[in-house]
Amino acid sequence: MEPTALLTTSPRSECQQLLEIARCEREIAAAEDALRGNHRDVAGLCLAISDWSVERRILEQQAGAGTDR
């Protein structure tokens, strides 16, 4: 599970933003499932959930800012 670049200088299309947000949601769900399955790397999975959640929030803010213009 490796996060993609959080910030880029080129604008993203709405479709690309939705795809990236969906990937964040899939990664968060996978990490949560692993935690529920008693995976041994609790700290790593919590960090992954945190990282993907931050990335999703950034993408959602960028998507919202793009519609305000």
N, C-alpha and C. Protein backbone atom coordinates (compact mmCIF):
# COMPACT_ATOMS: atom_id res chain seq x y z
N MET A 1 0.83 -1.18 0.00
CA MET A 1 0.00 0.00 0.00
C MET A 1 0.88 1.24 0.00
N GLU A 2 1.06 1.86 -1.15
CA GLU A 2 1.86 3.07 -1.16
C GLU A 2 1.03 4.23 -1.70
N PRO A 3 0.96 5.33 -0.94
CA PRO A 3 0.18 6.49 -1.38
C PRO A 3 0.77 7.10 -2.64
N THR A 4 -0.10 7.60 -3.48
CA THR A 4 0.35 8.33 -4.66
C THR A 4 0.77 9.72 -4.22
N ALA A 5 1.30 10.50 -5.12
CA ALA A 5 1.72 11.87 -4.79
C ALA A 5 0.53 12.65 -4.26
N LEU A 6 0.71 13.32 -3.15
CA LEU A 6 -0.39 14.05 -2.53
C LEU A 6 -0.73 15.32 -3.30
N LEU A 7 0.25 16.01 -3.75
CA LEU A 7 0.00 17.27 -4.45
C LEU A 7 0.72 17.26 -5.78
N THR A 8 0.06 17.75 -6.79
CA THR A 8 0.70 17.89 -8.08
C THR A 8 0.45 19.30 -8.58
N THR A 9 1.23 19.72 -9.55
CA THR A 9 1.05 21.05 -10.10
C THR A 9 0.07 21.06 -11.25
N SER A 10 -0.16 19.94 -11.88
CA SER A 10 -1.08 19.90 -13.01
C SER A 10 -2.51 19.62 -12.52
N PRO A 11 -3.48 20.29 -13.12
CA PRO A 11 -4.86 20.06 -12.70
C PRO A 11 -5.32 18.66 -13.11
N ARG A 12 -6.15 18.08 -12.28
CA ARG A 12 -6.68 16.75 -12.58
C ARG A 12 -8.08 16.90 -13.15
N SER A 13 -8.42 15.99 -14.02
CA SER A 13 -9.79 15.97 -14.51
C SER A 13 -10.69 15.46 -13.39
N GLU A 14 -11.95 15.80 -13.46
CA GLU A 14 -12.90 15.34 -12.44
C GLU A 14 -12.93 13.83 -12.37
N CYS A 15 -12.88 13.17 -13.50
CA CYS A 15 -12.88 11.70 -13.54
C CYS A 15 -11.65 11.14 -12.84
N GLN A 16 -10.49 11.71 -13.10
CA GLN A 16 -9.25 11.25 -12.46
C GLN A 16 -9.32 11.45 -10.95
N GLN A 17 -9.86 12.59 -10.51
CA GLN A 17 -9.99 12.83 -9.08
C GLN A 17 -10.89 11.79 -8.43
N LEU A 18 -12.00 11.47 -9.08
CA LEU A 18 -12.92 10.46 -8.54
C LEU A 18 -12.26 9.10 -8.46
N LEU A 19 -11.46 8.76 -9.46
CA LEU A 19 -10.74 7.49 -9.45
C LEU A 19 -9.73 7.44 -8.30
N GLU A 20 -9.04 8.55 -8.07
CA GLU A 20 -8.05 8.59 -7.00
C GLU A 20 -8.73 8.53 -5.63
N ILE A 21 -9.85 9.19 -5.48
CA ILE A 21 -10.60 9.14 -4.22
C ILE A 21 -11.09 7.71 -3.98
N ALA A 22 -11.58 7.06 -5.02
CA ALA A 22 -12.05 5.68 -4.90
C ALA A 22 -10.90 4.75 -4.49
N ARG A 23 -9.70 5.00 -5.03
CA ARG A 23 -8.55 4.17 -4.65
C ARG A 23 -8.24 4.35 -3.16
N CYS A 24 -8.30 5.60 -2.69
CA CYS A 24 -8.07 5.86 -1.27
C CYS A 24 -9.06 5.06 -0.43
N GLU A 25 -10.32 5.09 -0.83
CA GLU A 25 -11.35 4.37 -0.08
C GLU A 25 -11.10 2.87 -0.08
N ARG A 26 -10.64 2.33 -1.22
CA ARG A 26 -10.32 0.89 -1.28
C ARG A 26 -9.15 0.55 -0.37
N GLU A 27 -8.13 1.39 -0.36
CA GLU A 27 -6.96 1.14 0.48
C GLU A 27 -7.31 1.22 1.96
N ILE A 28 -8.15 2.20 2.32
CA ILE A 28 -8.59 2.32 3.71
C ILE A 28 -9.38 1.08 4.11
N ALA A 29 -10.30 0.65 3.25
CA ALA A 29 -11.12 -0.53 3.55
C ALA A 29 -10.24 -1.78 3.69
N ALA A 30 -9.23 -1.92 2.84
CA ALA A 30 -8.34 -3.08 2.92
C ALA A 30 -7.57 -3.09 4.24
N ALA A 31 -7.09 -1.93 4.65
CA ALA A 31 -6.35 -1.85 5.91
C ALA A 31 -7.27 -2.13 7.10
N GLU A 32 -8.49 -1.60 7.05
CA GLU A 32 -9.46 -1.88 8.12
C GLU A 32 -9.79 -3.36 8.19
N ASP A 33 -9.97 -3.98 7.03
CA ASP A 33 -10.26 -5.42 7.00
C ASP A 33 -9.10 -6.22 7.60
N ALA A 34 -7.88 -5.81 7.28
CA ALA A 34 -6.71 -6.51 7.82
C ALA A 34 -6.66 -6.37 9.34
N LEU A 35 -7.01 -5.19 9.85
CA LEU A 35 -7.04 -5.00 11.30
C LEU A 35 -8.09 -5.91 11.94
N ARG A 36 -9.26 -5.96 11.32
CA ARG A 36 -10.34 -6.83 11.84
C ARG A 36 -9.95 -8.30 11.77
N GLY A 37 -9.07 -8.63 10.84
CA GLY A 37 -8.61 -10.01 10.69
C GLY A 37 -7.42 -10.33 11.57
N ASN A 38 -7.17 -9.48 12.55
CA ASN A 38 -6.08 -9.69 13.52
C ASN A 38 -4.69 -9.71 12.90
N HIS A 39 -4.49 -8.87 11.87
CA HIS A 39 -3.16 -8.73 11.27
C HIS A 39 -2.18 -8.27 12.35
N ARG A 40 -0.96 -8.74 12.27
CA ARG A 40 0.02 -8.46 13.33
C ARG A 40 0.57 -7.04 13.29
N ASP A 41 0.55 -6.39 12.14
CA ASP A 41 1.16 -5.06 12.01
C ASP A 41 0.12 -3.96 12.27
N VAL A 42 -0.33 -3.88 13.51
CA VAL A 42 -1.37 -2.91 13.87
C VAL A 42 -0.89 -1.48 13.63
N ALA A 43 0.32 -1.17 14.06
CA ALA A 43 0.84 0.19 13.91
C ALA A 43 0.96 0.57 12.43
N GLY A 44 1.45 -0.34 11.62
CA GLY A 44 1.58 -0.06 10.19
C GLY A 44 0.24 0.15 9.51
N LEU A 45 -0.74 -0.67 9.90
CA LEU A 45 -2.07 -0.52 9.31
C LEU A 45 -2.75 0.77 9.76
N CYS A 46 -2.55 1.14 11.01
CA CYS A 46 -3.11 2.42 11.49
C CYS A 46 -2.46 3.58 10.74
N LEU A 47 -1.17 3.49 10.50
CA LEU A 47 -0.48 4.53 9.74
C LEU A 47 -1.01 4.58 8.31
N ALA A 48 -1.23 3.43 7.71
CA ALA A 48 -1.77 3.39 6.34
C ALA A 48 -3.15 4.03 6.29
N ILE A 49 -4.00 3.72 7.26
CA ILE A 49 -5.34 4.31 7.30
C ILE A 49 -5.23 5.83 7.43
N SER A 50 -4.34 6.28 8.29
CA SER A 50 -4.15 7.71 8.47
C SER A 50 -3.66 8.37 7.17
N ASP A 51 -2.66 7.78 6.54
CA ASP A 51 -2.10 8.35 5.32
C ASP A 51 -3.14 8.41 4.19
N TRP A 52 -3.86 7.32 4.00
CA TRP A 52 -4.86 7.29 2.92
C TRP A 52 -6.02 8.24 3.23
N SER A 53 -6.36 8.39 4.50
CA SER A 53 -7.43 9.32 4.88
C SER A 53 -7.03 10.76 4.59
N VAL A 54 -5.78 11.10 4.88
CA VAL A 54 -5.30 12.45 4.59
C VAL A 54 -5.29 12.69 3.09
N GLU A 55 -4.81 11.71 2.34
CA GLU A 55 -4.79 11.88 0.88
C GLU A 55 -6.20 12.06 0.34
N ARG A 56 -7.15 11.26 0.83
CA ARG A 56 -8.54 11.40 0.38
C ARG A 56 -9.06 12.79 0.70
N ARG A 57 -8.78 13.29 1.89
CA ARG A 57 -9.24 14.62 2.29
C ARG A 57 -8.65 15.70 1.37
N ILE A 58 -7.37 15.58 1.04
CA ILE A 58 -6.73 16.54 0.13
C ILE A 58 -7.40 16.50 -1.24
N LEU A 59 -7.62 15.29 -1.76
CA LEU A 59 -8.25 15.15 -3.06
C LEU A 59 -9.66 15.73 -3.06
N GLU A 60 -10.41 15.48 -1.99
CA GLU A 60 -11.77 16.02 -1.90
C GLU A 60 -11.75 17.54 -1.83
N GLN A 61 -10.78 18.10 -1.12
CA GLN A 61 -10.66 19.56 -1.05
C GLN A 61 -10.29 20.13 -2.42
N GLN A 62 -9.39 19.47 -3.13
CA GLN A 62 -9.02 19.92 -4.47
C GLN A 62 -10.22 19.84 -5.41
N ALA A 63 -11.00 18.78 -5.28
CA ALA A 63 -12.18 18.63 -6.14
C ALA A 63 -13.18 19.74 -5.82
N GLY A 64 -13.36 20.06 -4.56
CA GLY A 64 -14.27 21.12 -4.17
C GLY A 64 -13.79 22.48 -4.63
N ALA A 65 -12.48 22.72 -4.56
CA ALA A 65 -11.92 23.99 -5.00
C ALA A 65 -12.05 24.16 -6.49
N GLY A 66 -11.98 23.04 -7.21
CA GLY A 66 -12.11 23.09 -8.68
C GLY A 66 -13.51 23.47 -9.13
N THR A 67 -14.51 23.17 -8.31
CA THR A 67 -15.89 23.49 -8.70
C THR A 67 -16.27 24.90 -8.32
N ASP A 68 -15.46 25.55 -7.47
CA ASP A 68 -15.77 26.91 -7.03
C ASP A 68 -15.32 27.96 -8.04
N ARG A 69 -14.55 27.58 -9.00
CA ARG A 69 -13.98 28.56 -9.95
C ARG A 69 -14.96 28.94 -10.99
